[in-house]
């Protein structure tokens, strides 16, 4: 297992370097520069002042030189200084926003697994039944419904018409004066709709994969043998079948982690949540190269960590993959 883990870690390192090179090149070769945001709206700016700004930010150097200087700092967890007016450290900005996004995505993933796996198993066991048909229709609706549209519907219904849930932000007015329990309830009320939007599509996908995987397992000869021995339906499904049915689900869950993080950009903008998604959108709009690369780097690390989790989970469930 240690050899398997070492091999996967080295593969992750090579992949990470490749991701940073491609991301750095795409960002710097895209039309426009960060200095354009500061100079285009100022008719009095001179070419000399523009060149001075580019030298200040290091944009006058070749892209390869900029990348080498950047990667040296990244090794020391120094993502540089933001190009925005506050000139704060990129890592400081990311640390302020990262916990919120991670909390929402971890909660969404746990909800997806807790709901989707039982739905998939029960649909496979009761295939072609009314329940199976209802869940299939629900899954198609979940796949077809855009996340931002669902978010707007929830905001209109629960926030505007019923006044049950807040529609934006993480805190209500007067948050500092609340008790500890009141603060926890207030934050939870703000997160109900974002977590639901983040989980909705994932539940649809994972439940279908679980159903298909369980149907394949049910047809296997060893399941027929278990039935012939007179074992109960629950023992056959959850003891003999579930472990093998989870093999593809482990991989899919690991690969779905980047999708959850990427989807944060949408619902964090819609619900005005101060997380990584909103910060990434703002940095792209302002062409803040260090901040964009810092967020992409963190996202790449989380993505590779998700893939490693999937590989290790697969190896734990199926020992054959270790060899």
C-alpha atoms as a PDB file:
ATOM      1  CA  UNK A   1       0.000   0.000   0.000  1.00  0.00           C
ATOM      2  CA  UNK A   2       2.899   2.360   0.765  1.00  0.00           C
ATOM      3  CA  UNK A   3       4.371   1.801  -2.709  1.00  0.00           C
ATOM      4  CA  UNK A   4       0.981   2.472  -4.261  1.00  0.00           C
ATOM      5  CA  UNK A   5       0.630   5.713  -2.259  1.00  0.00           C
ATOM      6  CA  UNK A   6       4.153   6.872  -3.208  1.00  0.00           C
ATOM      7  CA  UNK A   7       3.473   6.258  -6.887  1.00  0.00           C
ATOM      8  CA  UNK A   8       0.211   8.193  -6.788  1.00  0.00           C
ATOM      9  CA  UNK A   9       1.863  11.085  -4.926  1.00  0.00           C
ATOM     10  CA  UNK A  10       4.596  11.408  -7.562  1.00  0.00           C
ATOM     11  CA  UNK A  11       1.975  11.348 -10.306  1.00  0.00           C
ATOM     12  CA  UNK A  12       0.095  14.116  -8.487  1.00  0.00           C
ATOM     13  CA  UNK A  13       3.235  16.252  -8.304  1.00  0.00           C
ATOM     14  CA  UNK A  14       3.863  15.986 -12.051  1.00  0.00           C
ATOM     15  CA  UNK A  15       0.208  16.722 -12.798  1.00  0.00           C
ATOM     16  CA  UNK A  16       0.256  19.733 -10.474  1.00  0.00           C
ATOM     17  CA  UNK A  17       3.254  21.238 -12.270  1.00  0.00           C
ATOM     18  CA  UNK A  18       1.537  20.723 -15.608  1.00  0.00           C
ATOM     19  CA  UNK A  19      -1.646  22.394 -14.348  1.00  0.00           C
ATOM     20  CA  UNK A  20       0.242  25.448 -13.096  1.00  0.00           C
ATOM     21  CA  UNK A  21       2.158  25.844 -16.386  1.00  0.00           C
ATOM     22  CA  UNK A  22      -0.984  25.657 -18.524  1.00  0.00           C
ATOM     23  CA  UNK A  23      -2.998  27.946 -16.216  1.00  0.00           C
ATOM     24  CA  UNK A  24      -0.195  30.507 -16.017  1.00  0.00           C
ATOM     25  CA  UNK A  25       0.228  30.557 -19.796  1.00  0.00           C
ATOM     26  CA  UNK A  26      -3.509  30.868 -20.540  1.00  0.00           C
ATOM     27  CA  UNK A  27      -3.953  33.736 -18.076  1.00  0.00           C
ATOM     28  CA  UNK A  28      -0.971  35.712 -19.369  1.00  0.00           C
ATOM     29  CA  UNK A  29      -1.702  35.137 -23.054  1.00  0.00           C
ATOM     30  CA  UNK A  30      -5.337  36.227 -22.685  1.00  0.00           C
ATOM     31  CA  UNK A  31      -6.137  39.696 -24.093  1.00  0.00           C
ATOM     32  CA  UNK A  32      -5.698  42.560 -21.670  1.00  0.00           C
ATOM     33  CA  UNK A  33      -3.498  43.207 -18.657  1.00  0.00           C
ATOM     34  CA  UNK A  34      -4.200  44.114 -15.026  1.00  0.00           C
ATOM     35  CA  UNK A  35      -2.858  47.604 -15.722  1.00  0.00           C
ATOM     36  CA  UNK A  36      -5.660  48.134 -18.266  1.00  0.00           C
ATOM     37  CA  UNK A  37      -8.185  48.203 -15.424  1.00  0.00           C
ATOM     38  CA  UNK A  38      -6.229  51.053 -13.808  1.00  0.00           C
ATOM     39  CA  UNK A  39      -5.364  53.020 -16.953  1.00  0.00           C
ATOM     40  CA  UNK A  40      -8.141  52.583 -19.536  1.00  0.00           C
ATOM     41  CA  UNK A  41     -10.589  54.787 -17.647  1.00  0.00           C
ATOM     42  CA  UNK A  42      -7.977  57.470 -16.988  1.00  0.00           C
ATOM     43  CA  UNK A  43      -7.561  59.715 -20.051  1.00  0.00           C
ATOM     44  CA  UNK A  44      -4.572  61.483 -18.485  1.00  0.00           C
ATOM     45  CA  UNK A  45      -2.441  58.342 -18.150  1.00  0.00           C
ATOM     46  CA  UNK A  46       0.760  58.457 -20.170  1.00  0.00           C
ATOM     47  CA  UNK A  47       2.605  55.567 -21.865  1.00  0.00           C
ATOM     48  CA  UNK A  48       5.460  56.133 -19.421  1.00  0.00           C
ATOM     49  CA  UNK A  49       3.129  55.730 -16.453  1.00  0.00           C
ATOM     50  CA  UNK A  50       1.652  52.576 -17.981  1.00  0.00           C
ATOM     51  CA  UNK A  51       5.139  51.125 -18.488  1.00  0.00           C
ATOM     52  CA  UNK A  52       6.043  52.043 -14.913  1.00  0.00           C
ATOM     53  CA  UNK A  53       3.022  50.130 -13.630  1.00  0.00           C
ATOM     54  CA  UNK A  54       3.991  47.080 -15.700  1.00  0.00           C
ATOM     55  CA  UNK A  55       7.525  47.185 -14.263  1.00  0.00           C
ATOM     56  CA  UNK A  56       6.107  47.529 -10.734  1.00  0.00           C
ATOM     57  CA  UNK A  57       3.986  44.392 -11.158  1.00  0.00           C
ATOM     58  CA  UNK A  58       6.724  42.526 -13.032  1.00  0.00           C
ATOM     59  CA  UNK A  59       4.659  42.258 -16.219  1.00  0.00           C
ATOM     60  CA  UNK A  60       7.518  43.543 -18.381  1.00  0.00           C
ATOM     61  CA  UNK A  61       9.470  40.306 -17.914  1.00  0.00           C
ATOM     62  CA  UNK A  62       9.038  37.259 -20.221  1.00  0.00           C
ATOM     63  CA  UNK A  63       6.269  34.865 -19.256  1.00  0.00           C
ATOM     64  CA  UNK A  64       8.765  32.062 -18.525  1.00  0.00           C
ATOM     65  CA  UNK A  65      10.670  34.319 -16.116  1.00  0.00           C
ATOM     66  CA  UNK A  66       7.427  35.355 -14.418  1.00  0.00           C
ATOM     67  CA  UNK A  67       6.440  31.699 -14.001  1.00  0.00           C
ATOM     68  CA  UNK A  68       9.795  30.681 -12.524  1.00  0.00           C
ATOM     69  CA  UNK A  69       9.677  33.538 -10.014  1.00  0.00           C
ATOM     70  CA  UNK A  70       6.081  32.659  -9.150  1.00  0.00           C
ATOM     71  CA  UNK A  71       6.668  28.921  -8.663  1.00  0.00           C
ATOM     72  CA  UNK A  72       9.649  29.642  -6.382  1.00  0.00           C
ATOM     73  CA  UNK A  73       7.371  31.689  -4.132  1.00  0.00           C
ATOM     74  CA  UNK A  74       4.595  29.080  -4.245  1.00  0.00           C
ATOM     75  CA  UNK A  75       6.964  26.446  -2.831  1.00  0.00           C
ATOM     76  CA  UNK A  76       7.214  28.670   0.246  1.00  0.00           C
ATOM     77  CA  UNK A  77       3.386  29.153   0.272  1.00  0.00           C
ATOM     78  CA  UNK A  78       3.858  32.733  -0.916  1.00  0.00           C
ATOM     79  CA  UNK A  79       1.388  33.522  -3.703  1.00  0.00           C
ATOM     80  CA  UNK A  80       2.485  37.131  -3.931  1.00  0.00           C
ATOM     81  CA  UNK A  81       0.598  40.357  -3.485  1.00  0.00           C
ATOM     82  CA  UNK A  82      -2.800  41.081  -4.959  1.00  0.00           C
ATOM     83  CA  UNK A  83      -2.991  43.626  -7.777  1.00  0.00           C
ATOM     84  CA  UNK A  84      -6.142  45.128  -6.237  1.00  0.00           C
ATOM     85  CA  UNK A  85      -6.149  48.486  -4.482  1.00  0.00           C
ATOM     86  CA  UNK A  86      -5.716  46.937  -1.017  1.00  0.00           C
ATOM     87  CA  UNK A  87      -2.444  45.164  -2.052  1.00  0.00           C
ATOM     88  CA  UNK A  88      -3.028  42.422   0.513  1.00  0.00           C
ATOM     89  CA  UNK A  89      -1.244  39.079   0.398  1.00  0.00           C
ATOM     90  CA  UNK A  90      -3.016  36.540  -1.812  1.00  0.00           C
ATOM     91  CA  UNK A  91      -2.706  33.777   0.761  1.00  0.00           C
ATOM     92  CA  UNK A  92      -4.342  36.017   3.383  1.00  0.00           C
ATOM     93  CA  UNK A  93      -7.332  36.631   1.115  1.00  0.00           C
ATOM     94  CA  UNK A  94      -7.658  32.934   0.314  1.00  0.00           C
ATOM     95  CA  UNK A  95      -7.448  31.889   3.979  1.00  0.00           C
ATOM     96  CA  UNK A  96     -10.349  34.192   4.794  1.00  0.00           C
ATOM     97  CA  UNK A  97     -12.601  32.675   2.138  1.00  0.00           C
ATOM     98  CA  UNK A  98     -11.487  29.039   1.867  1.00  0.00           C
ATOM     99  CA  UNK A  99     -13.139  27.689   5.077  1.00  0.00           C
ATOM    100  CA  UNK A 100     -16.581  28.887   3.963  1.00  0.00           C
ATOM    101  CA  UNK A 101     -16.341  27.153   0.586  1.00  0.00           C
ATOM    102  CA  UNK A 102     -14.911  23.969   2.103  1.00  0.00           C
ATOM    103  CA  UNK A 103     -17.659  23.847   4.729  1.00  0.00           C
ATOM    104  CA  UNK A 104     -20.417  24.211   2.135  1.00  0.00           C
ATOM    105  CA  UNK A 105     -18.894  21.633  -0.207  1.00  0.00           C
ATOM    106  CA  UNK A 106     -18.154  19.076   2.525  1.00  0.00           C
ATOM    107  CA  UNK A 107     -21.708  19.435   3.842  1.00  0.00           C
ATOM    108  CA  UNK A 108     -23.041  19.066   0.289  1.00  0.00           C
ATOM    109  CA  UNK A 109     -20.956  15.952  -0.332  1.00  0.00           C
ATOM    110  CA  UNK A 110     -22.120  14.302   2.895  1.00  0.00           C
ATOM    111  CA  UNK A 111     -25.745  15.058   2.030  1.00  0.00           C
ATOM    112  CA  UNK A 112     -25.265  13.688  -1.484  1.00  0.00           C
ATOM    113  CA  UNK A 113     -23.837  10.415  -0.181  1.00  0.00           C
ATOM    114  CA  UNK A 114     -26.420  10.076   2.592  1.00  0.00           C
ATOM    115  CA  UNK A 115     -29.338  10.492   0.174  1.00  0.00           C
ATOM    116  CA  UNK A 116     -28.090   9.274  -3.208  1.00  0.00           C
ATOM    117  CA  UNK A 117     -26.683   5.882  -2.159  1.00  0.00           C
ATOM    118  CA  UNK A 118     -29.881   4.651  -0.439  1.00  0.00           C
ATOM    119  CA  UNK A 119     -31.992   5.933  -3.353  1.00  0.00           C
ATOM    120  CA  UNK A 120     -29.782   4.132  -5.856  1.00  0.00           C
ATOM    121  CA  UNK A 121     -29.838   0.867  -3.914  1.00  0.00           C
ATOM    122  CA  UNK A 122     -33.598   0.903  -3.377  1.00  0.00           C
ATOM    123  CA  UNK A 123     -34.215   1.780  -7.041  1.00  0.00           C
ATOM    124  CA  UNK A 124     -32.065  -1.135  -8.172  1.00  0.00           C
ATOM    125  CA  UNK A 125     -33.727  -3.590  -5.807  1.00  0.00           C
ATOM    126  CA  UNK A 126     -37.227  -2.396  -6.839  1.00  0.00           C
ATOM    127  CA  UNK A 127     -36.397  -1.906 -10.520  1.00  0.00           C
ATOM    128  CA  UNK A 128     -39.310  -1.239 -12.901  1.00  0.00           C
ATOM    129  CA  UNK A 129     -41.574  -0.485  -9.932  1.00  0.00           C
ATOM    130  CA  UNK A 130     -43.510   2.760  -9.448  1.00  0.00           C
ATOM    131  CA  UNK A 131     -40.880   3.930  -6.968  1.00  0.00           C
ATOM    132  CA  UNK A 132     -38.123   3.309  -9.508  1.00  0.00           C
ATOM    133  CA  UNK A 133     -40.001   5.253 -12.170  1.00  0.00           C
ATOM    134  CA  UNK A 134     -40.611   8.193  -9.809  1.00  0.00           C
ATOM    135  CA  UNK A 135     -36.952   8.395  -8.815  1.00  0.00           C
ATOM    136  CA  UNK A 136     -35.917   8.152 -12.470  1.00  0.00           C
ATOM    137  CA  UNK A 137     -38.113  11.127 -13.355  1.00  0.00           C
ATOM    138  CA  UNK A 138     -36.725  13.034 -10.370  1.00  0.00           C
ATOM    139  CA  UNK A 139     -33.187  12.311 -11.503  1.00  0.00           C
ATOM    140  CA  UNK A 140     -33.883  13.612 -15.014  1.00  0.00           C
ATOM    141  CA  UNK A 141     -35.302  16.795 -13.492  1.00  0.00           C
ATOM    142  CA  UNK A 142     -32.205  17.161 -11.334  1.00  0.00           C
ATOM    143  CA  UNK A 143     -29.911  16.758 -14.336  1.00  0.00           C
ATOM    144  CA  UNK A 144     -31.867  19.207 -16.478  1.00  0.00           C
ATOM    145  CA  UNK A 145     -32.330  21.997 -13.920  1.00  0.00           C
ATOM    146  CA  UNK A 146     -29.583  24.681 -14.017  1.00  0.00           C
ATOM    147  CA  UNK A 147     -28.166  25.511 -10.622  1.00  0.00           C
ATOM    148  CA  UNK A 148     -28.501  29.288 -10.930  1.00  0.00           C
ATOM    149  CA  UNK A 149     -32.154  28.962 -12.015  1.00  0.00           C
ATOM    150  CA  UNK A 150     -32.943  26.699  -9.062  1.00  0.00           C
ATOM    151  CA  UNK A 151     -31.222  29.185  -6.759  1.00  0.00           C
ATOM    152  CA  UNK A 152     -33.363  32.049  -8.076  1.00  0.00           C
ATOM    153  CA  UNK A 153     -36.548  29.994  -7.654  1.00  0.00           C
ATOM    154  CA  UNK A 154     -35.658  29.179  -4.042  1.00  0.00           C
ATOM    155  CA  UNK A 155     -34.845  32.812  -3.332  1.00  0.00           C
ATOM    156  CA  UNK A 156     -38.170  33.953  -4.769  1.00  0.00           C
ATOM    157  CA  UNK A 157     -40.248  31.323  -2.950  1.00  0.00           C
ATOM    158  CA  UNK A 158     -38.599  30.979   0.473  1.00  0.00           C
ATOM    159  CA  UNK A 159     -37.057  34.435   0.705  1.00  0.00           C
ATOM    160  CA  UNK A 160     -39.419  36.859  -1.050  1.00  0.00           C
ATOM    161  CA  UNK A 161     -42.846  35.214  -0.788  1.00  0.00           C
ATOM    162  CA  UNK A 162     -42.639  33.200   2.445  1.00  0.00           C
ATOM    163  CA  UNK A 163     -39.911  35.232   4.229  1.00  0.00           C
ATOM    164  CA  UNK A 164     -38.650  32.007   5.763  1.00  0.00           C
ATOM    165  CA  UNK A 165     -34.986  32.134   4.759  1.00  0.00           C
ATOM    166  CA  UNK A 166     -32.491  34.939   4.057  1.00  0.00           C
ATOM    167  CA  UNK A 167     -31.568  35.322   0.400  1.00  0.00           C
ATOM    168  CA  UNK A 168     -28.010  36.647   0.602  1.00  0.00           C
ATOM    169  CA  UNK A 169     -24.862  36.671   2.700  1.00  0.00           C
ATOM    170  CA  UNK A 170     -23.897  34.609   5.721  1.00  0.00           C
ATOM    171  CA  UNK A 171     -25.016  36.850   8.566  1.00  0.00           C
ATOM    172  CA  UNK A 172     -28.061  38.906   9.437  1.00  0.00           C
ATOM    173  CA  UNK A 173     -28.111  42.457  10.750  1.00  0.00           C
ATOM    174  CA  UNK A 174     -27.310  42.479  14.448  1.00  0.00           C
ATOM    175  CA  UNK A 175     -25.321  39.237  14.208  1.00  0.00           C
ATOM    176  CA  UNK A 176     -22.688  40.407  16.724  1.00  0.00           C
ATOM    177  CA  UNK A 177     -25.333  40.982  19.388  1.00  0.00           C
ATOM    178  CA  UNK A 178     -26.724  37.434  19.130  1.00  0.00           C
ATOM    179  CA  UNK A 179     -25.933  34.614  21.521  1.00  0.00           C
ATOM    180  CA  UNK A 180     -23.751  31.713  20.442  1.00  0.00           C
ATOM    181  CA  UNK A 181     -26.795  29.575  19.700  1.00  0.00           C
ATOM    182  CA  UNK A 182     -28.437  32.448  17.838  1.00  0.00           C
ATOM    183  CA  UNK A 183     -25.339  32.955  15.685  1.00  0.00           C
ATOM    184  CA  UNK A 184     -25.211  29.246  14.819  1.00  0.00           C
ATOM    185  CA  UNK A 185     -28.896  29.209  13.850  1.00  0.00           C
ATOM    186  CA  UNK A 186     -28.516  32.399  11.806  1.00  0.00           C
ATOM    187  CA  UNK A 187     -25.577  31.028   9.802  1.00  0.00           C
ATOM    188  CA  UNK A 188     -27.414  27.733   9.294  1.00  0.00           C
ATOM    189  CA  UNK A 189     -30.479  29.550   7.926  1.00  0.00           C
ATOM    190  CA  UNK A 190     -28.257  31.407   5.473  1.00  0.00           C
ATOM    191  CA  UNK A 191     -26.622  28.164   4.294  1.00  0.00           C
ATOM    192  CA  UNK A 192     -29.742  26.024   3.784  1.00  0.00           C
ATOM    193  CA  UNK A 193     -30.449  27.197   0.229  1.00  0.00           C
ATOM    194  CA  UNK A 194     -26.800  27.280  -0.987  1.00  0.00           C
ATOM    195  CA  UNK A 195     -26.151  23.764   0.317  1.00  0.00           C
ATOM    196  CA  UNK A 196     -29.378  22.510  -1.241  1.00  0.00           C
ATOM    197  CA  UNK A 197     -28.470  23.999  -4.637  1.00  0.00           C
ATOM    198  CA  UNK A 198     -24.960  22.557  -4.395  1.00  0.00           C
ATOM    199  CA  UNK A 199     -26.311  19.084  -3.495  1.00  0.00           C
ATOM    200  CA  UNK A 200     -29.283  18.819  -5.844  1.00  0.00           C
ATOM    201  CA  UNK A 201     -27.478  17.892  -9.054  1.00  0.00           C
ATOM    202  CA  UNK A 202     -25.022  15.613  -7.247  1.00  0.00           C
ATOM    203  CA  UNK A 203     -27.824  13.587  -5.676  1.00  0.00           C
ATOM    204  CA  UNK A 204     -29.302  12.981  -9.127  1.00  0.00           C
ATOM    205  CA  UNK A 205     -25.999  11.833 -10.610  1.00  0.00           C
ATOM    206  CA  UNK A 206     -24.690   9.638  -7.793  1.00  0.00           C
ATOM    207  CA  UNK A 207     -28.069   7.925  -7.316  1.00  0.00           C
ATOM    208  CA  UNK A 208     -28.133   6.876 -10.988  1.00  0.00           C
ATOM    209  CA  UNK A 209     -24.567   5.586 -10.857  1.00  0.00           C
ATOM    210  CA  UNK A 210     -25.390   3.687  -7.663  1.00  0.00           C
ATOM    211  CA  UNK A 211     -28.473   2.164  -9.261  1.00  0.00           C
ATOM    212  CA  UNK A 212     -26.573   1.012 -12.344  1.00  0.00           C
ATOM    213  CA  UNK A 213     -23.725  -0.399 -10.294  1.00  0.00           C
ATOM    214  CA  UNK A 214     -26.079  -2.265  -7.952  1.00  0.00           C
ATOM    215  CA  UNK A 215     -28.011  -3.727 -10.889  1.00  0.00           C
ATOM    216  CA  UNK A 216     -24.760  -5.146 -12.264  1.00  0.00           C
ATOM    217  CA  UNK A 217     -23.893  -6.655  -8.887  1.00  0.00           C
ATOM    218  CA  UNK A 218     -27.366  -8.173  -8.370  1.00  0.00           C
ATOM    219  CA  UNK A 219     -26.975 -10.160 -11.599  1.00  0.00           C
ATOM    220  CA  UNK A 220     -23.679 -11.764 -10.499  1.00  0.00           C
ATOM    221  CA  UNK A 221     -23.493 -15.501  -9.756  1.00  0.00           C
ATOM    222  CA  UNK A 222     -22.327 -15.071  -6.163  1.00  0.00           C
ATOM    223  CA  UNK A 223     -25.483 -13.079  -5.405  1.00  0.00           C
ATOM    224  CA  UNK A 224     -27.563 -15.963  -6.780  1.00  0.00           C
ATOM    225  CA  UNK A 225     -25.574 -18.332  -4.578  1.00  0.00           C
ATOM    226  CA  UNK A 226     -26.259 -16.161  -1.525  1.00  0.00           C
ATOM    227  CA  UNK A 227     -29.998 -16.278  -2.261  1.00  0.00           C
ATOM    228  CA  UNK A 228     -29.914 -20.055  -2.664  1.00  0.00           C
ATOM    229  CA  UNK A 229     -28.403 -20.330   0.833  1.00  0.00           C
ATOM    230  CA  UNK A 230     -31.513 -18.680   2.245  1.00  0.00           C
ATOM    231  CA  UNK A 231     -29.867 -15.432   3.357  1.00  0.00           C
ATOM    232  CA  UNK A 232     -32.119 -12.463   4.017  1.00  0.00           C
ATOM    233  CA  UNK A 233     -32.556  -9.795   1.351  1.00  0.00           C
ATOM    234  CA  UNK A 234     -30.923  -7.159   3.550  1.00  0.00           C
ATOM    235  CA  UNK A 235     -27.840  -9.307   4.188  1.00  0.00           C
ATOM    236  CA  UNK A 236     -27.505 -10.153   0.495  1.00  0.00           C
ATOM    237  CA  UNK A 237     -27.725  -6.521  -0.607  1.00  0.00           C
ATOM    238  CA  UNK A 238     -25.850  -4.700   2.139  1.00  0.00           C
ATOM    239  CA  UNK A 239     -23.241  -7.314   3.111  1.00  0.00           C
ATOM    240  CA  UNK A 240     -22.469  -9.182  -0.110  1.00  0.00           C
ATOM    241  CA  UNK A 241     -23.458  -6.685  -2.779  1.00  0.00           C
ATOM    242  CA  UNK A 242     -22.877  -3.178  -1.452  1.00  0.00           C
ATOM    243  CA  UNK A 243     -19.099  -3.355  -1.172  1.00  0.00           C
ATOM    244  CA  UNK A 244     -18.671  -4.362  -4.806  1.00  0.00           C
ATOM    245  CA  UNK A 245     -21.327  -1.895  -5.946  1.00  0.00           C
ATOM    246  CA  UNK A 246     -19.438   0.942  -4.261  1.00  0.00           C
ATOM    247  CA  UNK A 247     -16.314   0.453  -6.417  1.00  0.00           C
ATOM    248  CA  UNK A 248     -17.326   2.835  -9.237  1.00  0.00           C
ATOM    249  CA  UNK A 249     -19.058   5.186  -6.773  1.00  0.00           C
ATOM    250  CA  UNK A 250     -15.797   5.752  -4.874  1.00  0.00           C
ATOM    251  CA  UNK A 251     -14.117   6.869  -8.093  1.00  0.00           C
ATOM    252  CA  UNK A 252     -17.045   9.059  -9.137  1.00  0.00           C
ATOM    253  CA  UNK A 253     -17.226  10.765  -5.737  1.00  0.00           C
ATOM    254  CA  UNK A 254     -13.525  11.584  -5.876  1.00  0.00           C
ATOM    255  CA  UNK A 255     -13.863  13.008  -9.371  1.00  0.00           C
ATOM    256  CA  UNK A 256     -16.981  14.979  -8.395  1.00  0.00           C
ATOM    257  CA  UNK A 257     -15.137  17.023  -5.759  1.00  0.00           C
ATOM    258  CA  UNK A 258     -13.703  19.438  -8.370  1.00  0.00           C
ATOM    259  CA  UNK A 259     -17.212  19.900  -9.750  1.00  0.00           C
ATOM    260  CA  UNK A 260     -18.505  20.872  -6.315  1.00  0.00           C
ATOM    261  CA  UNK A 261     -15.714  23.400  -5.882  1.00  0.00           C
ATOM    262  CA  UNK A 262     -16.178  24.774  -9.390  1.00  0.00           C
ATOM    263  CA  UNK A 263     -19.903  25.090  -8.861  1.00  0.00           C
ATOM    264  CA  UNK A 264     -19.212  27.363  -5.896  1.00  0.00           C
ATOM    265  CA  UNK A 265     -18.608  30.215  -8.332  1.00  0.00           C
ATOM    266  CA  UNK A 266     -22.270  30.088  -9.401  1.00  0.00           C
ATOM    267  CA  UNK A 267     -24.163  29.827  -6.122  1.00  0.00           C
ATOM    268  CA  UNK A 268     -21.735  32.029  -4.191  1.00  0.00           C
ATOM    269  CA  UNK A 269     -22.359  34.797  -6.697  1.00  0.00           C
ATOM    270  CA  UNK A 270     -26.128  34.263  -6.633  1.00  0.00           C
ATOM    271  CA  UNK A 271     -26.351  34.128  -2.836  1.00  0.00           C
ATOM    272  CA  UNK A 272     -23.561  36.706  -2.236  1.00  0.00           C
ATOM    273  CA  UNK A 273     -21.560  34.272  -0.113  1.00  0.00           C
ATOM    274  CA  UNK A 274     -18.014  35.499   0.645  1.00  0.00           C
ATOM    275  CA  UNK A 275     -16.279  32.292  -0.397  1.00  0.00           C
ATOM    276  CA  UNK A 276     -13.642  31.175  -2.873  1.00  0.00           C
ATOM    277  CA  UNK A 277     -16.079  31.160  -5.784  1.00  0.00           C
ATOM    278  CA  UNK A 278     -17.027  34.810  -5.342  1.00  0.00           C
ATOM    279  CA  UNK A 279     -13.380  35.781  -4.806  1.00  0.00           C
ATOM    280  CA  UNK A 280     -12.382  33.951  -7.992  1.00  0.00           C
ATOM    281  CA  UNK A 281     -15.044  35.735 -10.033  1.00  0.00           C
ATOM    282  CA  UNK A 282     -13.948  39.135  -8.705  1.00  0.00           C
ATOM    283  CA  UNK A 283     -10.281  38.392  -9.375  1.00  0.00           C
ATOM    284  CA  UNK A 284     -10.995  37.345 -12.974  1.00  0.00           C
ATOM    285  CA  UNK A 285     -13.051  40.470 -13.619  1.00  0.00           C
ATOM    286  CA  UNK A 286     -10.230  42.672 -12.282  1.00  0.00           C
ATOM    287  CA  UNK A 287      -7.496  40.604 -14.013  1.00  0.00           C
ATOM    288  CA  UNK A 288      -5.734  40.098 -10.703  1.00  0.00           C
ATOM    289  CA  UNK A 289      -3.124  37.567 -11.907  1.00  0.00           C
ATOM    290  CA  UNK A 290      -1.619  36.589  -8.526  1.00  0.00           C
ATOM    291  CA  UNK A 291      -5.051  36.073  -6.970  1.00  0.00           C
ATOM    292  CA  UNK A 292      -6.350  34.088  -9.959  1.00  0.00           C
ATOM    293  CA  UNK A 293      -3.279  31.837  -9.937  1.00  0.00           C
ATOM    294  CA  UNK A 294      -3.473  31.418  -6.158  1.00  0.00           C
ATOM    295  CA  UNK A 295      -7.098  30.280  -6.340  1.00  0.00           C
ATOM    296  CA  UNK A 296      -6.393  27.999  -9.309  1.00  0.00           C
ATOM    297  CA  UNK A 297      -3.478  26.469  -7.416  1.00  0.00           C
ATOM    298  CA  UNK A 298      -5.596  25.795  -4.334  1.00  0.00           C
ATOM    299  CA  UNK A 299      -8.311  24.362  -6.576  1.00  0.00           C
ATOM    300  CA  UNK A 300      -5.769  22.128  -8.313  1.00  0.00           C
ATOM    301  CA  UNK A 301      -4.481  20.850  -4.967  1.00  0.00           C
ATOM    302  CA  UNK A 302      -8.021  20.080  -3.791  1.00  0.00           C
ATOM    303  CA  UNK A 303      -8.804  18.381  -7.104  1.00  0.00           C
ATOM    304  CA  UNK A 304      -5.703  16.206  -6.940  1.00  0.00           C
ATOM    305  CA  UNK A 305      -6.454  15.427  -3.297  1.00  0.00           C
ATOM    306  CA  UNK A 306      -9.932  14.303  -4.361  1.00  0.00           C
ATOM    307  CA  UNK A 307      -8.443  12.056  -7.030  1.00  0.00           C
ATOM    308  CA  UNK A 308      -5.991  10.609  -4.500  1.00  0.00           C
ATOM    309  CA  UNK A 309      -8.884   9.974  -2.121  1.00  0.00           C
ATOM    310  CA  UNK A 310     -10.682   8.122  -4.905  1.00  0.00           C
ATOM    311  CA  UNK A 311      -7.600   6.016  -5.697  1.00  0.00           C
ATOM    312  CA  UNK A 312      -6.986   5.143  -2.061  1.00  0.00           C
ATOM    313  CA  UNK A 313     -10.654   4.394  -1.503  1.00  0.00           C
ATOM    314  CA  UNK A 314     -10.682   2.123  -4.543  1.00  0.00           C
ATOM    315  CA  UNK A 315      -7.563   0.358  -3.297  1.00  0.00           C
ATOM    316  CA  UNK A 316      -9.128  -0.094   0.149  1.00  0.00           C
ATOM    317  CA  UNK A 317     -12.332  -1.541  -1.295  1.00  0.00           C
ATOM    318  CA  UNK A 318     -10.670  -3.642  -4.027  1.00  0.00           C
ATOM    319  CA  UNK A 319      -7.213  -4.970  -2.934  1.00  0.00           C
ATOM    320  CA  UNK A 320      -6.484  -6.078  -6.522  1.00  0.00           C
ATOM    321  CA  UNK A 321      -5.807  -2.487  -7.564  1.00  0.00           C
ATOM    322  CA  UNK A 322      -2.844  -2.256  -5.152  1.00  0.00           C
ATOM    323  CA  UNK A 323      -0.948  -4.674  -7.375  1.00  0.00           C
END
